[in-house]
PDB file of N, CA and C in Angstrom:
ATOM      1  N   MET A   1       0.760  -1.154  -0.038  1.00  0.00           N
ATOM      2  CA  MET A   1      -0.073   0.068   0.041  1.00  0.00           C
ATOM      3  C   MET A   1       0.897   1.283   0.006  1.00  0.00           C
ATOM      4  N   SER A   2       0.722   2.066  -0.964  1.00  0.00           N
ATOM      5  CA  SER A   2       1.525   3.301  -1.121  1.00  0.00           C
ATOM      6  C   SER A   2       0.849   4.446  -0.351  1.00  0.00           C
ATOM      7  N   LYS A   3       1.798   5.299   0.147  1.00  0.00           N
ATOM      8  CA  LYS A   3       1.208   6.486   0.896  1.00  0.00           C
ATOM      9  C   LYS A   3       1.197   7.597   0.031  1.00  0.00           C
ATOM     10  N   ALA A   4       0.275   8.611   0.238  1.00  0.00           N
ATOM     11  CA  ALA A   4       0.199   9.770  -0.564  1.00  0.00           C
ATOM     12  C   ALA A   4       1.264  10.675  -0.186  1.00  0.00           C
ATOM     13  N   ALA A   5       1.769  11.540  -1.130  1.00  0.00           N
ATOM     14  CA  ALA A   5       2.824  12.365  -0.990  1.00  0.00           C
ATOM     15  C   ALA A   5       2.649  13.350   0.237  1.00  0.00           C
ATOM     16  N   GLN A   6       1.293  13.765   0.393  1.00  0.00           N
ATOM     17  CA  GLN A   6       1.018  14.659   1.449  1.00  0.00           C
ATOM     18  C   GLN A   6       1.229  14.109   2.843  1.00  0.00           C
ATOM     19  N   ASP A   7       1.083  12.700   2.927  1.00  0.00           N
ATOM     20  CA  ASP A   7       1.377  11.999   4.227  1.00  0.00           C
ATOM     21  C   ASP A   7       2.790  11.838   4.503  1.00  0.00           C
ATOM     22  N   ILE A   8       3.650  11.894   3.504  1.00  0.00           N
ATOM     23  CA  ILE A   8       5.005  11.680   3.732  1.00  0.00           C
ATOM     24  C   ILE A   8       5.718  12.977   4.100  1.00  0.00           C
ATOM     25  N   ILE A   9       5.567  14.045   3.407  1.00  0.00           N
ATOM     26  CA  ILE A   9       6.060  15.319   3.631  1.00  0.00           C
ATOM     27  C   ILE A   9       5.120  16.013   4.683  1.00  0.00           C
ATOM     28  N   ILE A  10       5.609  16.271   5.888  1.00  0.00           N
ATOM     29  CA  ILE A  10       4.711  16.818   6.935  1.00  0.00           C
ATOM     30  C   ILE A  10       4.821  18.446   6.822  1.00  0.00           C
ATOM     31  N   ARG A  11       6.065  18.990   6.940  1.00  0.00           N
ATOM     32  CA  ARG A  11       6.188  20.435   6.766  1.00  0.00           C
ATOM     33  C   ARG A  11       7.668  20.712   6.441  1.00  0.00           C
ATOM     34  N   PRO A  12       7.786  21.903   5.897  1.00  0.00           N
ATOM     35  CA  PRO A  12       9.148  22.444   5.633  1.00  0.00           C
ATOM     36  C   PRO A  12       9.845  22.862   7.010  1.00  0.00           C
ATOM     37  N   ILE A  13      11.173  22.813   7.021  1.00  0.00           N
ATOM     38  CA  ILE A  13      11.877  23.240   8.255  1.00  0.00           C
ATOM     39  C   ILE A  13      12.514  24.572   7.904  1.00  0.00           C
ATOM     40  N   ILE A  14      12.143  25.622   8.643  1.00  0.00           N
ATOM     41  CA  ILE A  14      12.745  26.957   8.260  1.00  0.00           C
ATOM     42  C   ILE A  14      13.645  27.410   9.370  1.00  0.00           C
ATOM     43  N   THR A  15      14.886  27.227   9.193  1.00  0.00           N
ATOM     44  CA  THR A  15      15.937  27.666  10.279  1.00  0.00           C
ATOM     45  C   THR A  15      17.062  28.416   9.437  1.00  0.00           C
ATOM     46  N   GLU A  16      17.921  29.073  10.274  1.00  0.00           N
ATOM     47  CA  GLU A  16      19.101  29.709   9.628  1.00  0.00           C
ATOM     48  C   GLU A  16      19.833  28.737   8.834  1.00  0.00           C
ATOM     49  N   ASN A  17      20.142  27.601   9.470  1.00  0.00           N
ATOM     50  CA  ASN A  17      20.959  26.555   8.849  1.00  0.00           C
ATOM     51  C   ASN A  17      20.323  25.986   7.525  1.00  0.00           C
ATOM     52  N   SER A  18      19.020  25.687   7.616  1.00  0.00           N
ATOM     53  CA  SER A  18      18.340  25.229   6.443  1.00  0.00           C
ATOM     54  C   SER A  18      18.219  26.209   5.342  1.00  0.00           C
ATOM     55  N   MET A  19      18.129  27.499   5.644  1.00  0.00           N
ATOM     56  CA  MET A  19      18.119  28.528   4.621  1.00  0.00           C
ATOM     57  C   MET A  19      19.392  28.601   3.940  1.00  0.00           C
ATOM     58  N   ASP A  20      20.510  28.435   4.788  1.00  0.00           N
ATOM     59  CA  ASP A  20      21.795  28.448   4.023  1.00  0.00           C
ATOM     60  C   ASP A  20      22.070  27.397   2.938  1.00  0.00           C
ATOM     61  N   GLY A  21      21.367  26.308   3.089  1.00  0.00           N
ATOM     62  CA  GLY A  21      21.454  25.154   2.126  1.00  0.00           C
ATOM     63  C   GLY A  21      20.768  25.383   0.795  1.00  0.00           C
ATOM     64  N   ILE A  22      19.832  26.321   0.848  1.00  0.00           N
ATOM     65  CA  ILE A  22      19.166  26.604  -0.452  1.00  0.00           C
ATOM     66  C   ILE A  22      19.931  27.074  -1.519  1.00  0.00           C
ATOM     67  N   ALA A  23      21.092  27.757  -1.295  1.00  0.00           N
ATOM     68  CA  ALA A  23      22.093  28.203  -2.301  1.00  0.00           C
ATOM     69  C   ALA A  23      22.668  26.966  -2.876  1.00  0.00           C
ATOM     70  N   ASP A  24      22.730  25.919  -2.238  1.00  0.00           N
ATOM     71  CA  ASP A  24      23.339  24.597  -2.724  1.00  0.00           C
ATOM     72  C   ASP A  24      22.176  23.657  -3.237  1.00  0.00           C
ATOM     73  N   ARG A  25      21.017  24.157  -3.428  1.00  0.00           N
ATOM     74  CA  ARG A  25      19.867  23.351  -3.865  1.00  0.00           C
ATOM     75  C   ARG A  25      19.546  22.355  -2.885  1.00  0.00           C
ATOM     76  N   LYS A  26      19.602  22.504  -1.600  1.00  0.00           N
ATOM     77  CA  LYS A  26      19.295  21.630  -0.555  1.00  0.00           C
ATOM     78  C   LYS A  26      18.103  22.197   0.174  1.00  0.00           C
ATOM     79  N   TYR A  27      17.057  21.376   0.313  1.00  0.00           N
ATOM     80  CA  TYR A  27      15.829  21.817   0.999  1.00  0.00           C
ATOM     81  C   TYR A  27      15.573  20.862   2.149  1.00  0.00           C
ATOM     82  N   THR A  28      15.009  21.387   3.388  1.00  0.00           N
ATOM     83  CA  THR A  28      14.951  20.576   4.504  1.00  0.00           C
ATOM     84  C   THR A  28      13.362  20.390   4.817  1.00  0.00           C
ATOM     85  N   PHE A  29      12.890  19.116   4.983  1.00  0.00           N
ATOM     86  CA  PHE A  29      11.532  18.863   5.448  1.00  0.00           C
ATOM     87  C   PHE A  29      11.421  17.965   6.650  1.00  0.00           C
ATOM     88  N   GLU A  30      10.412  18.033   7.375  1.00  0.00           N
ATOM     89  CA  GLU A  30      10.046  17.080   8.320  1.00  0.00           C
ATOM     90  C   GLU A  30       9.096  16.016   7.628  1.00  0.00           C
ATOM     91  N   VAL A  31       9.558  14.805   7.892  1.00  0.00           N
ATOM     92  CA  VAL A  31       8.797  13.772   7.102  1.00  0.00           C
ATOM     93  C   VAL A  31       8.321  12.698   8.032  1.00  0.00           C
ATOM     94  N   ALA A  32       7.419  11.840   7.523  1.00  0.00           N
ATOM     95  CA  ALA A  32       6.840  10.760   8.320  1.00  0.00           C
ATOM     96  C   ALA A  32       7.974   9.825   8.775  1.00  0.00           C
ATOM     97  N   LYS A  33       7.854   9.348  10.082  1.00  0.00           N
ATOM     98  CA  LYS A  33       8.802   8.540  10.591  1.00  0.00           C
ATOM     99  C   LYS A  33       9.016   7.208   9.918  1.00  0.00           C
ATOM    100  N   ASP A  34       7.945   6.592   9.342  1.00  0.00           N
ATOM    101  CA  ASP A  34       8.014   5.402   8.634  1.00  0.00           C
ATOM    102  C   ASP A  34       8.364   5.467   7.207  1.00  0.00           C
ATOM    103  N   SER A  35       8.702   6.591   6.687  1.00  0.00           N
ATOM    104  CA  SER A  35       9.017   6.677   5.213  1.00  0.00           C
ATOM    105  C   SER A  35      10.574   6.481   4.994  1.00  0.00           C
ATOM    106  N   ASN A  36      10.936   6.098   3.724  1.00  0.00           N
ATOM    107  CA  ASN A  36      12.266   5.774   3.458  1.00  0.00           C
ATOM    108  C   ASN A  36      12.646   6.882   2.341  1.00  0.00           C
ATOM    109  N   LYS A  37      13.916   6.746   2.024  1.00  0.00           N
ATOM    110  CA  LYS A  37      14.536   7.868   1.093  1.00  0.00           C
ATOM    111  C   LYS A  37      13.827   7.722  -0.277  1.00  0.00           C
ATOM    112  N   ILE A  38      13.533   6.701  -0.742  1.00  0.00           N
ATOM    113  CA  ILE A  38      12.786   6.486  -2.022  1.00  0.00           C
ATOM    114  C   ILE A  38      11.419   7.171  -2.033  1.00  0.00           C
ATOM    115  N   GLU A  39      10.708   6.886  -1.044  1.00  0.00           N
ATOM    116  CA  GLU A  39       9.363   7.484  -0.828  1.00  0.00           C
ATOM    117  C   GLU A  39       9.438   9.019  -0.693  1.00  0.00           C
ATOM    118  N   ILE A  40      10.411   9.439   0.059  1.00  0.00           N
ATOM    119  CA  ILE A  40      10.569  10.912   0.213  1.00  0.00           C
ATOM    120  C   ILE A  40      10.867  11.552  -1.102  1.00  0.00           C
ATOM    121  N   ALA A  41      11.874  11.000  -1.899  1.00  0.00           N
ATOM    122  CA  ALA A  41      12.193  11.631  -3.127  1.00  0.00           C
ATOM    123  C   ALA A  41      11.006  11.649  -4.162  1.00  0.00           C
ATOM    124  N   LYS A  42      10.257  10.613  -4.133  1.00  0.00           N
ATOM    125  CA  LYS A  42       9.137  10.571  -5.038  1.00  0.00           C
ATOM    126  C   LYS A  42       8.014  11.589  -4.582  1.00  0.00           C
ATOM    127  N   ALA A  43       7.810  11.720  -3.272  1.00  0.00           N
ATOM    128  CA  ALA A  43       6.898  12.687  -2.670  1.00  0.00           C
ATOM    129  C   ALA A  43       7.293  14.103  -3.065  1.00  0.00           C
ATOM    130  N   VAL A  44       8.524  14.529  -2.871  1.00  0.00           N
ATOM    131  CA  VAL A  44       9.006  15.869  -3.260  1.00  0.00           C
ATOM    132  C   VAL A  44       8.854  16.112  -4.766  1.00  0.00           C
ATOM    133  N   GLU A  45       9.245  15.177  -5.522  1.00  0.00           N
ATOM    134  CA  GLU A  45       9.011  15.289  -6.961  1.00  0.00           C
ATOM    135  C   GLU A  45       7.636  15.518  -7.370  1.00  0.00           C
ATOM    136  N   THR A  46       6.734  14.716  -6.762  1.00  0.00           N
ATOM    137  CA  THR A  46       5.205  14.922  -7.203  1.00  0.00           C
ATOM    138  C   THR A  46       4.678  16.310  -6.645  1.00  0.00           C
ATOM    139  N   LEU A  47       5.040  16.633  -5.461  1.00  0.00           N
ATOM    140  CA  LEU A  47       4.454  17.654  -4.741  1.00  0.00           C
ATOM    141  C   LEU A  47       4.878  19.107  -5.435  1.00  0.00           C
ATOM    142  N   PHE A  48       6.343  19.170  -5.687  1.00  0.00           N
ATOM    143  CA  PHE A  48       6.864  20.397  -6.104  1.00  0.00           C
ATOM    144  C   PHE A  48       7.191  20.305  -7.539  1.00  0.00           C
ATOM    145  N   ASP A  49       7.127  19.274  -8.260  1.00  0.00           N
ATOM    146  CA  ASP A  49       7.409  19.211  -9.706  1.00  0.00           C
ATOM    147  C   ASP A  49       8.927  19.480 -10.044  1.00  0.00           C
ATOM    148  N   VAL A  50       9.755  18.900  -9.212  1.00  0.00           N
ATOM    149  CA  VAL A  50      11.205  19.021  -9.370  1.00  0.00           C
ATOM    150  C   VAL A  50      11.899  17.694  -9.446  1.00  0.00           C
ATOM    151  N   LYS A  51      13.251  17.739  -9.835  1.00  0.00           N
ATOM    152  CA  LYS A  51      14.049  16.539  -9.921  1.00  0.00           C
ATOM    153  C   LYS A  51      14.960  16.399  -8.669  1.00  0.00           C
ATOM    154  N   VAL A  52      14.849  15.320  -7.984  1.00  0.00           N
ATOM    155  CA  VAL A  52      15.719  15.064  -6.762  1.00  0.00           C
ATOM    156  C   VAL A  52      16.855  14.230  -7.046  1.00  0.00           C
ATOM    157  N   SER A  53      18.163  14.693  -6.743  1.00  0.00           N
ATOM    158  CA  SER A  53      19.302  13.899  -6.968  1.00  0.00           C
ATOM    159  C   SER A  53      19.753  13.044  -5.859  1.00  0.00           C
ATOM    160  N   LYS A  54      19.461  13.490  -4.474  1.00  0.00           N
ATOM    161  CA  LYS A  54      19.722  12.575  -3.366  1.00  0.00           C
ATOM    162  C   LYS A  54      18.995  13.101  -2.229  1.00  0.00           C
ATOM    163  N   VAL A  55      18.815  12.165  -1.188  1.00  0.00           N
ATOM    164  CA  VAL A  55      18.136  12.434  -0.044  1.00  0.00           C
ATOM    165  C   VAL A  55      18.946  11.973   1.198  1.00  0.00           C
ATOM    166  N   ASN A  56      19.066  12.957   2.174  1.00  0.00           N
ATOM    167  CA  ASN A  56      19.784  12.525   3.480  1.00  0.00           C
ATOM    168  C   ASN A  56      18.740  12.544   4.511  1.00  0.00           C
ATOM    169  N   VAL A  57      18.774  11.601   5.399  1.00  0.00           N
ATOM    170  CA  VAL A  57      17.722  11.387   6.367  1.00  0.00           C
ATOM    171  C   VAL A  57      18.349  11.461   7.854  1.00  0.00           C
ATOM    172  N   ILE A  58      17.790  12.167   8.727  1.00  0.00           N
ATOM    173  CA  ILE A  58      18.125  12.326  10.150  1.00  0.00           C
ATOM    174  C   ILE A  58      17.052  12.044  11.016  1.00  0.00           C
ATOM    175  N   ASN A  59      17.236  11.108  11.982  1.00  0.00           N
ATOM    176  CA  ASN A  59      16.211  10.835  13.018  1.00  0.00           C
ATOM    177  C   ASN A  59      16.652  11.758  14.162  1.00  0.00           C
ATOM    178  N   VAL A  60      15.723  12.651  14.608  1.00  0.00           N
ATOM    179  CA  VAL A  60      15.904  13.618  15.703  1.00  0.00           C
ATOM    180  C   VAL A  60      15.152  13.091  16.930  1.00  0.00           C
ATOM    181  N   ASP A  61      15.902  12.897  17.980  1.00  0.00           N
ATOM    182  CA  ASP A  61      15.258  12.562  19.297  1.00  0.00           C
ATOM    183  C   ASP A  61      14.673  13.679  19.898  1.00  0.00           C
ATOM    184  N   GLY A  62      13.648  13.373  20.688  1.00  0.00           N
ATOM    185  CA  GLY A  62      12.936  14.513  21.515  1.00  0.00           C
ATOM    186  C   GLY A  62      13.849  14.975  22.587  1.00  0.00           C
ATOM    187  N   LYS A  63      13.804  16.289  22.874  1.00  0.00           N
ATOM    188  CA  LYS A  63      14.622  16.912  23.935  1.00  0.00           C
ATOM    189  C   LYS A  63      13.900  16.885  25.232  1.00  0.00           C
ATOM    190  N   LEU A  64      14.615  16.782  26.383  1.00  0.00           N
ATOM    191  CA  LEU A  64      13.944  16.932  27.688  1.00  0.00           C
ATOM    192  C   LEU A  64      13.565  18.409  27.995  1.00  0.00           C
ATOM    193  N   ARG A  65      12.363  18.586  28.331  1.00  0.00           N
ATOM    194  CA  ARG A  65      11.859  20.010  28.682  1.00  0.00           C
ATOM    195  C   ARG A  65      11.181  19.922  29.975  1.00  0.00           C
ATOM    196  N   ARG A  66      11.256  21.008  30.773  1.00  0.00           N
ATOM    197  CA  ARG A  66      10.636  21.191  31.978  1.00  0.00           C
ATOM    198  C   ARG A  66       9.414  22.156  31.876  1.00  0.00           C
ATOM    199  N   TYR A  67       8.364  21.831  32.456  1.00  0.00           N
ATOM    200  CA  TYR A  67       7.226  22.664  32.590  1.00  0.00           C
ATOM    201  C   TYR A  67       6.953  22.827  34.010  1.00  0.00           C
ATOM    202  N   GLY A  68       7.579  23.857  34.731  1.00  0.00           N
ATOM    203  CA  GLY A  68       7.462  23.995  36.123  1.00  0.00           C
ATOM    204  C   GLY A  68       8.067  22.855  36.816  1.00  0.00           C
ATOM    205  N   ARG A  69       7.365  22.172  37.737  1.00  0.00           N
ATOM    206  CA  ARG A  69       8.015  21.010  38.354  1.00  0.00           C
ATOM    207  C   ARG A  69       7.838  19.698  37.633  1.00  0.00           C
ATOM    208  N   PHE A  70       7.172  19.704  36.554  1.00  0.00           N
ATOM    209  CA  PHE A  70       7.051  18.479  35.615  1.00  0.00           C
ATOM    210  C   PHE A  70       8.101  18.626  34.552  1.00  0.00           C
ATOM    211  N   GLU A  71       8.500  17.470  34.088  1.00  0.00           N
ATOM    212  CA  GLU A  71       9.447  17.372  32.942  1.00  0.00           C
ATOM    213  C   GLU A  71       9.053  16.235  31.996  1.00  0.00           C
ATOM    214  N   GLY A  72       9.400  16.299  30.793  1.00  0.00           N
ATOM    215  CA  GLY A  72       8.932  15.350  29.812  1.00  0.00           C
ATOM    216  C   GLY A  72       9.797  15.572  28.477  1.00  0.00           C
ATOM    217  N   TYR A  73       9.564  14.791  27.440  1.00  0.00           N
ATOM    218  CA  TYR A  73      10.314  14.885  26.381  1.00  0.00           C
ATOM    219  C   TYR A  73       9.433  15.380  25.244  1.00  0.00           C
ATOM    220  N   THR A  74       9.994  16.281  24.329  1.00  0.00           N
ATOM    221  CA  THR A  74       9.283  16.781  23.119  1.00  0.00           C
ATOM    222  C   THR A  74       9.295  15.642  22.157  1.00  0.00           C
ATOM    223  N   PRO A  75       8.306  15.590  21.181  1.00  0.00           N
ATOM    224  CA  PRO A  75       8.260  14.396  20.283  1.00  0.00           C
ATOM    225  C   PRO A  75       9.453  14.252  19.432  1.00  0.00           C
ATOM    226  N   SER A  76       9.985  13.012  19.210  1.00  0.00           N
ATOM    227  CA  SER A  76      10.935  12.792  18.214  1.00  0.00           C
ATOM    228  C   SER A  76      10.374  12.813  16.914  1.00  0.00           C
ATOM    229  N   ARG A  77      11.295  13.209  15.853  1.00  0.00           N
ATOM    230  CA  ARG A  77      10.809  13.313  14.471  1.00  0.00           C
ATOM    231  C   ARG A  77      11.886  12.874  13.569  1.00  0.00           C
ATOM    232  N   LYS A  78      11.604  12.847  12.267  1.00  0.00           N
ATOM    233  CA  LYS A  78      12.473  12.564  11.171  1.00  0.00           C
ATOM    234  C   LYS A  78      12.687  13.761  10.216  1.00  0.00           C
ATOM    235  N   LYS A  79      13.883  14.085   9.859  1.00  0.00           N
ATOM    236  CA  LYS A  79      14.186  15.218   9.023  1.00  0.00           C
ATOM    237  C   LYS A  79      14.756  14.657   7.758  1.00  0.00           C
ATOM    238  N   ALA A  80      14.431  15.275   6.649  1.00  0.00           N
ATOM    239  CA  ALA A  80      15.113  14.902   5.298  1.00  0.00           C
ATOM    240  C   ALA A  80      15.664  16.132   4.684  1.00  0.00           C
ATOM    241  N   ILE A  81      16.927  16.045   4.300  1.00  0.00           N
ATOM    242  CA  ILE A  81      17.571  17.037   3.500  1.00  0.00           C
ATOM    243  C   ILE A  81      17.540  16.557   2.052  1.00  0.00           C
ATOM    244  N   VAL A  82      16.834  17.246   1.124  1.00  0.00           N
ATOM    245  CA  VAL A  82      16.644  16.845  -0.301  1.00  0.00           C
ATOM    246  C   VAL A  82      17.468  17.760  -1.130  1.00  0.00           C
ATOM    247  N   THR A  83      18.278  17.129  -1.907  1.00  0.00           N
ATOM    248  CA  THR A  83      19.183  17.879  -2.858  1.00  0.00           C
ATOM    249  C   THR A  83      18.554  17.691  -4.283  1.00  0.00           C
ATOM    250  N   LEU A  84      18.427  18.830  -4.863  1.00  0.00           N
ATOM    251  CA  LEU A  84      17.768  18.837  -6.364  1.00  0.00           C
ATOM    252  C   LEU A  84      18.959  18.724  -7.332  1.00  0.00           C
ATOM    253  N   THR A  85      18.594  18.328  -8.542  1.00  0.00           N
ATOM    254  CA  THR A  85      19.612  18.210  -9.650  1.00  0.00           C
ATOM    255  C   THR A  85      19.967  19.606 -10.150  1.00  0.00           C
ATOM    256  N   GLU A  86      20.949  19.762 -10.840  1.00  0.00           N
ATOM    257  CA  GLU A  86      21.363  21.067 -11.422  1.00  0.00           C
ATOM    258  C   GLU A  86      20.288  21.623 -12.358  1.00  0.00           C
ATOM    259  N   ASP A  87      19.688  20.787 -13.221  1.00  0.00           N
ATOM    260  CA  ASP A  87      18.702  21.285 -14.126  1.00  0.00           C
ATOM    261  C   ASP A  87      17.308  21.280 -13.674  1.00  0.00           C
ATOM    262  N   SER A  88      17.208  21.109 -12.383  1.00  0.00           N
ATOM    263  CA  SER A  88      15.811  21.181 -11.829  1.00  0.00           C
ATOM    264  C   SER A  88      15.468  22.580 -11.502  1.00  0.00           C
ATOM    265  N   LYS A  89      14.156  22.852 -11.499  1.00  0.00           N
ATOM    266  CA  LYS A  89      13.813  24.216 -11.040  1.00  0.00           C
ATOM    267  C   LYS A  89      13.668  24.271  -9.477  1.00  0.00           C
ATOM    268  N   THR A  90      13.728  25.441  -8.934  1.00  0.00           N
ATOM    269  CA  THR A  90      13.745  25.616  -7.462  1.00  0.00           C
ATOM    270  C   THR A  90      12.209  25.402  -6.858  1.00  0.00           C
ATOM    271  N   ILE A  91      12.248  25.283  -5.548  1.00  0.00           N
ATOM    272  CA  ILE A  91      10.771  25.140  -4.932  1.00  0.00           C
ATOM    273  C   ILE A  91      10.312  26.571  -4.587  1.00  0.00           C
ATOM    274  N   GLU A  92       9.351  27.005  -5.091  1.00  0.00           N
ATOM    275  CA  GLU A  92       8.793  28.430  -5.021  1.00  0.00           C
ATOM    276  C   GLU A  92       8.540  28.754  -3.619  1.00  0.00           C
ATOM    277  N   PHE A  93       8.052  27.830  -2.784  1.00  0.00           N
ATOM    278  CA  PHE A  93       7.820  28.190  -1.470  1.00  0.00           C
ATOM    279  C   PHE A  93       9.014  28.756  -0.653  1.00  0.00           C
ATOM    280  N   PHE A  94      10.115  28.206  -0.885  1.00  0.00           N
ATOM    281  CA  PHE A  94      11.286  28.637  -0.159  1.00  0.00           C
ATOM    282  C   PHE A  94      11.845  29.945  -0.733  1.00  0.00           C
ATOM    283  N   ASP A  95      11.623  30.271  -2.080  1.00  0.00           N
ATOM    284  CA  ASP A  95      12.027  31.463  -2.707  1.00  0.00           C
ATOM    285  C   ASP A  95      11.474  32.608  -2.044  1.00  0.00           C
ATOM    286  N   GLY A  96      10.277  32.555  -1.541  1.00  0.00           N
ATOM    287  CA  GLY A  96       9.717  33.707  -0.828  1.00  0.00           C
ATOM    288  C   GLY A  96      10.313  34.018   0.519  1.00  0.00           C
ATOM    289  N   MET A  97      11.031  32.998   1.013  1.00  0.00           N
ATOM    290  CA  MET A  97      11.583  33.100   2.292  1.00  0.00           C
ATOM    291  C   MET A  97      12.987  33.841   2.282  1.00  0.00           C
ATOM    292  N   MET A  98      13.552  33.838   1.213  1.00  0.00           N
ATOM    293  CA  MET A  98      14.930  34.569   1.048  1.00  0.00           C
ATOM    294  C   MET A  98      14.919  36.024   0.961  1.00  0.00           C
TER     295      MET A  98
END
């Protein structure tokens, strides 16, 4: 059973570090924990109509946070850094951020 592209790509990650990667055609997304590199590449290609050359995946553990006298962990998540090919067009959503 294949997943929809919208279920794989959860949201873009907008940080200073991820914005620096845009010059090198690298875009960062939060993705579903059970997705793999091939699914992520296909999802980005269908959603944004671009060509993906490679995908790097990082599992991010939740951090310990305190709320008054209580403490707990923030949710863990999965990040994907997607590199586009040289002849691919850019992702318009990120162009508005620059």
